[in-house]
């Protein structure tokens, strides 16, 4: 039997994870590597791959992320790994809560001329909402 004088102790994911987190009174900020603005780290052995830090924190403290859902940062800080700031939502909900052009447009409730976007007053063409009242006004003005 070979001599095991220098046997390496493998640290758990939790032991490697938490020293990389700086706790504030609200957010828990990831202080190690980032990928696309999100905390990121290896899961252990090379074959285990990598994952985002907020996903690791959620699994360590809450449990598995439900299938088909993503974690939305309620605090809007993508470096935050506080599970209380993470909510499992659909990809669509996550995108609409963000600050993209599509998300901002989805929050608009009235057309540029002030008509409310309701089911009866709105039609969609090529992914864009249009106001039926404005369309009717343009038609009558051109007639």
C-alpha atoms as a PDB file:
ATOM      1  CA  UNK A   1       0.000   0.000   0.000  1.00  0.00           C
ATOM      2  CA  UNK A   2       1.461   3.405  -1.024  1.00  0.00           C
ATOM      3  CA  UNK A   3       2.394   5.937   1.613  1.00  0.00           C
ATOM      4  CA  UNK A   4      -0.229   8.718   1.946  1.00  0.00           C
ATOM      5  CA  UNK A   5       1.825  11.315   3.683  1.00  0.00           C
ATOM      6  CA  UNK A   6       0.515  14.150   1.510  1.00  0.00           C
ATOM      7  CA  UNK A   7      -3.101  13.149   1.160  1.00  0.00           C
ATOM      8  CA  UNK A   8      -5.048  16.084  -0.242  1.00  0.00           C
ATOM      9  CA  UNK A   9      -8.298  17.005   1.485  1.00  0.00           C
ATOM     10  CA  UNK A  10     -10.939  18.080  -0.982  1.00  0.00           C
ATOM     11  CA  UNK A  11     -12.947  21.071   0.201  1.00  0.00           C
ATOM     12  CA  UNK A  12     -16.690  20.991  -0.297  1.00  0.00           C
ATOM     13  CA  UNK A  13     -18.425  23.370  -2.660  1.00  0.00           C
ATOM     14  CA  UNK A  14     -19.805  25.264   0.338  1.00  0.00           C
ATOM     15  CA  UNK A  15     -16.319  25.602   1.883  1.00  0.00           C
ATOM     16  CA  UNK A  16     -14.991  27.063  -1.364  1.00  0.00           C
ATOM     17  CA  UNK A  17     -18.037  29.228  -2.057  1.00  0.00           C
ATOM     18  CA  UNK A  18     -18.741  31.284   1.084  1.00  0.00           C
ATOM     19  CA  UNK A  19     -15.271  32.863   1.509  1.00  0.00           C
ATOM     20  CA  UNK A  20     -15.896  34.560  -1.865  1.00  0.00           C
ATOM     21  CA  UNK A  21     -19.010  36.336  -0.578  1.00  0.00           C
ATOM     22  CA  UNK A  22     -19.033  39.733   1.172  1.00  0.00           C
ATOM     23  CA  UNK A  23     -22.165  40.154   3.277  1.00  0.00           C
ATOM     24  CA  UNK A  24     -23.708  43.620   3.460  1.00  0.00           C
ATOM     25  CA  UNK A  25     -26.842  44.632   5.340  1.00  0.00           C
ATOM     26  CA  UNK A  26     -28.886  43.793   2.223  1.00  0.00           C
ATOM     27  CA  UNK A  27     -27.027  42.075  -0.614  1.00  0.00           C
ATOM     28  CA  UNK A  28     -24.455  39.302  -0.412  1.00  0.00           C
ATOM     29  CA  UNK A  29     -21.881  40.355  -3.011  1.00  0.00           C
ATOM     30  CA  UNK A  30     -19.843  37.838  -4.987  1.00  0.00           C
ATOM     31  CA  UNK A  31     -16.204  38.989  -4.865  1.00  0.00           C
ATOM     32  CA  UNK A  32     -14.553  36.434  -7.148  1.00  0.00           C
ATOM     33  CA  UNK A  33     -14.757  35.925 -10.904  1.00  0.00           C
ATOM     34  CA  UNK A  34     -17.517  37.324 -13.078  1.00  0.00           C
ATOM     35  CA  UNK A  35     -18.962  36.197 -16.382  1.00  0.00           C
ATOM     36  CA  UNK A  36     -21.328  38.564 -18.192  1.00  0.00           C
ATOM     37  CA  UNK A  37     -21.613  40.599 -14.977  1.00  0.00           C
ATOM     38  CA  UNK A  38     -22.736  37.613 -12.886  1.00  0.00           C
ATOM     39  CA  UNK A  39     -20.664  35.814 -10.233  1.00  0.00           C
ATOM     40  CA  UNK A  40     -19.200  32.618 -11.624  1.00  0.00           C
ATOM     41  CA  UNK A  41     -17.188  29.666 -10.276  1.00  0.00           C
ATOM     42  CA  UNK A  42     -16.151  26.089 -10.901  1.00  0.00           C
ATOM     43  CA  UNK A  43     -18.161  23.308  -9.301  1.00  0.00           C
ATOM     44  CA  UNK A  44     -15.167  21.193  -8.326  1.00  0.00           C
ATOM     45  CA  UNK A  45     -13.460  18.830 -10.684  1.00  0.00           C
ATOM     46  CA  UNK A  46     -12.939  19.911 -14.259  1.00  0.00           C
ATOM     47  CA  UNK A  47     -15.600  17.494 -15.500  1.00  0.00           C
ATOM     48  CA  UNK A  48     -18.177  19.049 -13.143  1.00  0.00           C
ATOM     49  CA  UNK A  49     -18.096  22.312 -15.082  1.00  0.00           C
ATOM     50  CA  UNK A  50     -18.994  25.786 -13.855  1.00  0.00           C
ATOM     51  CA  UNK A  51     -22.114  27.685 -12.868  1.00  0.00           C
ATOM     52  CA  UNK A  52     -23.268  31.133 -11.876  1.00  0.00           C
ATOM     53  CA  UNK A  53     -22.725  31.990  -8.204  1.00  0.00           C
ATOM     54  CA  UNK A  54     -26.335  33.029  -7.547  1.00  0.00           C
ATOM     55  CA  UNK A  55     -27.534  29.639  -8.803  1.00  0.00           C
ATOM     56  CA  UNK A  56     -25.034  27.854  -6.549  1.00  0.00           C
ATOM     57  CA  UNK A  57     -26.119  29.926  -3.524  1.00  0.00           C
ATOM     58  CA  UNK A  58     -29.780  29.200  -4.209  1.00  0.00           C
ATOM     59  CA  UNK A  59     -29.142  25.450  -4.444  1.00  0.00           C
ATOM     60  CA  UNK A  60     -26.995  25.468  -1.285  1.00  0.00           C
ATOM     61  CA  UNK A  61     -29.502  27.419   0.822  1.00  0.00           C
ATOM     62  CA  UNK A  62     -32.941  26.772  -0.692  1.00  0.00           C
ATOM     63  CA  UNK A  63     -32.800  23.686  -2.888  1.00  0.00           C
ATOM     64  CA  UNK A  64     -33.058  22.851  -6.579  1.00  0.00           C
ATOM     65  CA  UNK A  65     -34.117  25.512  -9.053  1.00  0.00           C
ATOM     66  CA  UNK A  66     -37.483  24.380 -10.461  1.00  0.00           C
ATOM     67  CA  UNK A  67     -37.259  22.969 -14.001  1.00  0.00           C
ATOM     68  CA  UNK A  68     -37.899  25.531 -16.710  1.00  0.00           C
ATOM     69  CA  UNK A  69     -37.365  28.527 -14.422  1.00  0.00           C
ATOM     70  CA  UNK A  70     -34.589  31.098 -14.044  1.00  0.00           C
ATOM     71  CA  UNK A  71     -33.552  33.086 -10.987  1.00  0.00           C
ATOM     72  CA  UNK A  72     -34.463  36.771 -11.107  1.00  0.00           C
ATOM     73  CA  UNK A  73     -32.410  39.187  -8.990  1.00  0.00           C
ATOM     74  CA  UNK A  74     -35.103  41.185  -7.188  1.00  0.00           C
ATOM     75  CA  UNK A  75     -32.426  43.617  -5.947  1.00  0.00           C
ATOM     76  CA  UNK A  76     -31.179  44.117  -9.554  1.00  0.00           C
ATOM     77  CA  UNK A  77     -27.525  43.517  -8.507  1.00  0.00           C
ATOM     78  CA  UNK A  78     -26.281  40.643 -10.670  1.00  0.00           C
ATOM     79  CA  UNK A  79     -23.377  40.011  -8.264  1.00  0.00           C
ATOM     80  CA  UNK A  80     -25.780  39.377  -5.357  1.00  0.00           C
ATOM     81  CA  UNK A  81     -26.058  35.766  -4.159  1.00  0.00           C
ATOM     82  CA  UNK A  82     -28.537  36.359  -1.299  1.00  0.00           C
ATOM     83  CA  UNK A  83     -31.260  33.702  -1.811  1.00  0.00           C
ATOM     84  CA  UNK A  84     -33.846  36.087  -0.353  1.00  0.00           C
ATOM     85  CA  UNK A  85     -33.167  38.333  -3.375  1.00  0.00           C
ATOM     86  CA  UNK A  86     -33.628  35.515  -5.909  1.00  0.00           C
ATOM     87  CA  UNK A  87     -36.987  34.446  -7.294  1.00  0.00           C
ATOM     88  CA  UNK A  88     -37.571  31.539  -9.692  1.00  0.00           C
ATOM     89  CA  UNK A  89     -39.492  32.897 -12.706  1.00  0.00           C
ATOM     90  CA  UNK A  90     -40.003  32.033 -16.357  1.00  0.00           C
ATOM     91  CA  UNK A  91     -37.548  33.383 -18.909  1.00  0.00           C
ATOM     92  CA  UNK A  92     -40.252  35.717 -20.245  1.00  0.00           C
ATOM     93  CA  UNK A  93     -40.969  37.140 -16.767  1.00  0.00           C
ATOM     94  CA  UNK A  94     -37.244  37.570 -16.108  1.00  0.00           C
ATOM     95  CA  UNK A  95     -36.750  39.442 -19.392  1.00  0.00           C
ATOM     96  CA  UNK A  96     -39.818  41.656 -18.885  1.00  0.00           C
ATOM     97  CA  UNK A  97     -38.619  42.674 -15.413  1.00  0.00           C
ATOM     98  CA  UNK A  98     -35.321  43.870 -16.858  1.00  0.00           C
ATOM     99  CA  UNK A  99     -34.293  47.135 -18.479  1.00  0.00           C
ATOM    100  CA  UNK A 100     -34.129  46.042 -22.108  1.00  0.00           C
ATOM    101  CA  UNK A 101     -35.974  47.950 -24.837  1.00  0.00           C
ATOM    102  CA  UNK A 102     -38.547  45.144 -25.072  1.00  0.00           C
ATOM    103  CA  UNK A 103     -39.116  45.232 -21.306  1.00  0.00           C
ATOM    104  CA  UNK A 104     -39.576  49.018 -21.282  1.00  0.00           C
ATOM    105  CA  UNK A 105     -41.994  48.839 -24.236  1.00  0.00           C
ATOM    106  CA  UNK A 106     -44.002  46.073 -22.542  1.00  0.00           C
ATOM    107  CA  UNK A 107     -44.578  48.373 -19.542  1.00  0.00           C
ATOM    108  CA  UNK A 108     -46.044  51.144 -21.724  1.00  0.00           C
ATOM    109  CA  UNK A 109     -49.807  51.332 -21.102  1.00  0.00           C
ATOM    110  CA  UNK A 110     -50.821  54.049 -23.596  1.00  0.00           C
ATOM    111  CA  UNK A 111     -49.969  54.862 -27.199  1.00  0.00           C
ATOM    112  CA  UNK A 112     -48.013  58.069 -27.982  1.00  0.00           C
ATOM    113  CA  UNK A 113     -51.321  59.925 -28.536  1.00  0.00           C
ATOM    114  CA  UNK A 114     -52.707  58.860 -25.138  1.00  0.00           C
ATOM    115  CA  UNK A 115     -55.049  55.991 -26.027  1.00  0.00           C
ATOM    116  CA  UNK A 116     -54.926  53.081 -23.580  1.00  0.00           C
ATOM    117  CA  UNK A 117     -53.556  49.774 -24.838  1.00  0.00           C
ATOM    118  CA  UNK A 118     -56.490  47.457 -24.104  1.00  0.00           C
ATOM    119  CA  UNK A 119     -57.402  44.159 -25.739  1.00  0.00           C
ATOM    120  CA  UNK A 120     -60.132  45.900 -27.731  1.00  0.00           C
ATOM    121  CA  UNK A 121     -57.962  48.875 -28.779  1.00  0.00           C
ATOM    122  CA  UNK A 122     -54.730  47.041 -29.613  1.00  0.00           C
ATOM    123  CA  UNK A 123     -53.567  44.865 -32.449  1.00  0.00           C
ATOM    124  CA  UNK A 124     -50.167  43.316 -32.931  1.00  0.00           C
ATOM    125  CA  UNK A 125     -48.189  43.155 -36.149  1.00  0.00           C
ATOM    126  CA  UNK A 126     -44.643  41.832 -36.489  1.00  0.00           C
ATOM    127  CA  UNK A 127     -44.221  41.781 -32.708  1.00  0.00           C
ATOM    128  CA  UNK A 128     -45.240  45.440 -32.258  1.00  0.00           C
ATOM    129  CA  UNK A 129     -48.410  46.793 -30.627  1.00  0.00           C
ATOM    130  CA  UNK A 130     -50.527  49.249 -32.581  1.00  0.00           C
ATOM    131  CA  UNK A 131     -53.407  51.438 -31.429  1.00  0.00           C
ATOM    132  CA  UNK A 132     -56.705  50.815 -33.240  1.00  0.00           C
ATOM    133  CA  UNK A 133     -58.017  54.309 -32.339  1.00  0.00           C
ATOM    134  CA  UNK A 134     -54.990  55.970 -33.951  1.00  0.00           C
ATOM    135  CA  UNK A 135     -55.323  53.712 -36.983  1.00  0.00           C
ATOM    136  CA  UNK A 136     -59.006  54.684 -37.320  1.00  0.00           C
ATOM    137  CA  UNK A 137     -58.098  58.389 -36.964  1.00  0.00           C
ATOM    138  CA  UNK A 138     -55.484  58.079 -39.731  1.00  0.00           C
ATOM    139  CA  UNK A 139     -57.969  56.286 -41.990  1.00  0.00           C
ATOM    140  CA  UNK A 140     -60.689  58.899 -41.509  1.00  0.00           C
ATOM    141  CA  UNK A 141     -58.211  61.763 -42.024  1.00  0.00           C
ATOM    142  CA  UNK A 142     -57.109  60.275 -45.330  1.00  0.00           C
ATOM    143  CA  UNK A 143     -60.621  59.642 -46.643  1.00  0.00           C
END
